[in-house]
Amino acid sequence: MYNGDQDNCIPYTQDEAWTADMGGTQTRGWRPWLVEAQVGGYVVEYGANFTFATVKGAGHMVPRTQPERAYAMLSRFLSGQPL
């Protein structure tokens, strides 16, 4: 699951709380994920099958407002690489 950190429609804090309330055990705490040595956003993992990530500087339509970061995030997801 991901959110832009500048999303005014669905603030990432709302989805962050929803994610935490699912009852999963947090296996890796909040940390930055990088794109070309710059922070692309922040990520937290719950077990091996659920990750919540934010995309820095992105609004509600992440690929439109931050295409490079969205591409990096989705490419890593599809190839099984961690953020």
Protein backbone atom coordinates (compact mmCIF):
# COMPACT_ATOMS: atom_id res chain seq x y z
CA MET A 1 0.00 0.00 0.00
CA TYR A 2 1.29 3.50 -0.71
CA ASN A 3 0.31 7.14 -0.39
CA GLY A 4 1.71 10.43 -1.52
CA ASP A 5 2.80 12.40 1.52
CA GLN A 6 1.11 15.51 0.10
CA ASP A 7 -2.25 13.82 -0.63
CA ASN A 8 -5.07 16.14 0.45
CA CYS A 9 -7.83 13.64 -0.47
CA ILE A 10 -6.57 10.71 1.63
CA PRO A 11 -3.79 11.83 3.97
CA TYR A 12 -1.09 9.22 4.47
CA THR A 13 -1.61 9.46 8.24
CA GLN A 14 -5.10 7.99 7.76
CA ASP A 15 -3.77 4.99 5.84
CA GLU A 16 -0.83 4.69 8.23
CA ALA A 17 -3.27 4.32 11.14
CA TRP A 18 -5.44 1.87 9.17
CA THR A 19 -2.37 -0.21 8.36
CA ALA A 20 -1.20 -0.29 11.98
CA ASP A 21 -4.71 -1.22 13.18
CA MET A 22 -4.79 -4.33 10.97
CA GLY A 23 -3.04 -6.15 13.79
CA GLY A 24 0.06 -7.28 11.94
CA THR A 25 3.42 -7.38 13.63
CA GLN A 26 5.77 -4.68 12.45
CA THR A 27 8.91 -6.45 11.23
CA ARG A 28 10.89 -3.43 10.00
CA GLY A 29 10.24 0.03 11.35
CA TRP A 30 9.92 3.29 9.46
CA ARG A 31 12.92 4.08 7.32
CA PRO A 32 13.60 6.11 4.19
CA TRP A 33 13.72 4.51 0.77
CA LEU A 34 15.99 6.06 -1.83
CA VAL A 35 15.95 6.98 -5.49
CA GLU A 36 19.36 7.95 -6.83
CA ALA A 37 20.69 8.68 -3.32
CA GLN A 38 17.73 10.94 -2.45
CA VAL A 39 14.80 10.14 -0.17
CA GLY A 40 11.92 8.85 -2.28
CA GLY A 41 9.66 8.43 0.75
CA TYR A 42 9.38 6.29 3.86
CA VAL A 43 8.42 2.67 4.35
CA VAL A 44 7.38 0.26 7.12
CA GLU A 45 6.95 -3.51 6.80
CA TYR A 46 4.48 -5.86 8.46
CA GLY A 47 5.64 -9.41 7.86
CA ALA A 48 6.83 -10.64 4.49
CA ASN A 49 3.67 -9.79 2.57
CA PHE A 50 2.60 -6.28 3.56
CA THR A 51 4.43 -2.99 3.16
CA PHE A 52 3.19 0.58 3.59
CA ALA A 53 5.14 3.29 1.81
CA THR A 54 4.89 7.02 1.33
CA VAL A 55 6.11 8.85 -1.75
CA LYS A 56 7.79 12.15 -0.94
CA GLY A 57 6.27 15.20 -2.60
CA ALA A 58 3.43 13.25 -4.23
CA GLY A 59 -0.24 14.15 -4.17
CA HIS A 60 -3.26 11.90 -4.66
CA MET A 61 -2.16 10.83 -8.14
CA VAL A 62 1.35 9.65 -7.27
CA PRO A 63 2.51 8.72 -10.81
CA ARG A 64 1.42 12.11 -12.12
CA THR A 65 3.01 14.25 -9.41
CA GLN A 66 6.16 12.16 -8.81
CA PRO A 67 6.67 9.92 -11.86
CA GLU A 68 10.31 9.04 -11.20
CA ARG A 69 9.65 8.02 -7.61
CA ALA A 70 6.48 6.14 -8.57
CA TYR A 71 8.32 4.25 -11.29
CA ALA A 72 11.17 3.31 -8.92
CA MET A 73 8.73 2.13 -6.24
CA LEU A 74 6.55 0.07 -8.59
CA SER A 75 9.52 -1.39 -10.47
CA ARG A 76 11.02 -2.63 -7.22
CA PHE A 77 7.69 -4.06 -6.12
CA LEU A 78 7.15 -5.94 -9.39
CA SER A 79 10.68 -7.34 -9.38
CA GLY A 80 10.46 -8.40 -5.72
CA GLN A 81 13.10 -5.93 -4.54
CA PRO A 82 12.61 -4.15 -1.22
CA LEU A 83 12.23 -0.40 -1.08
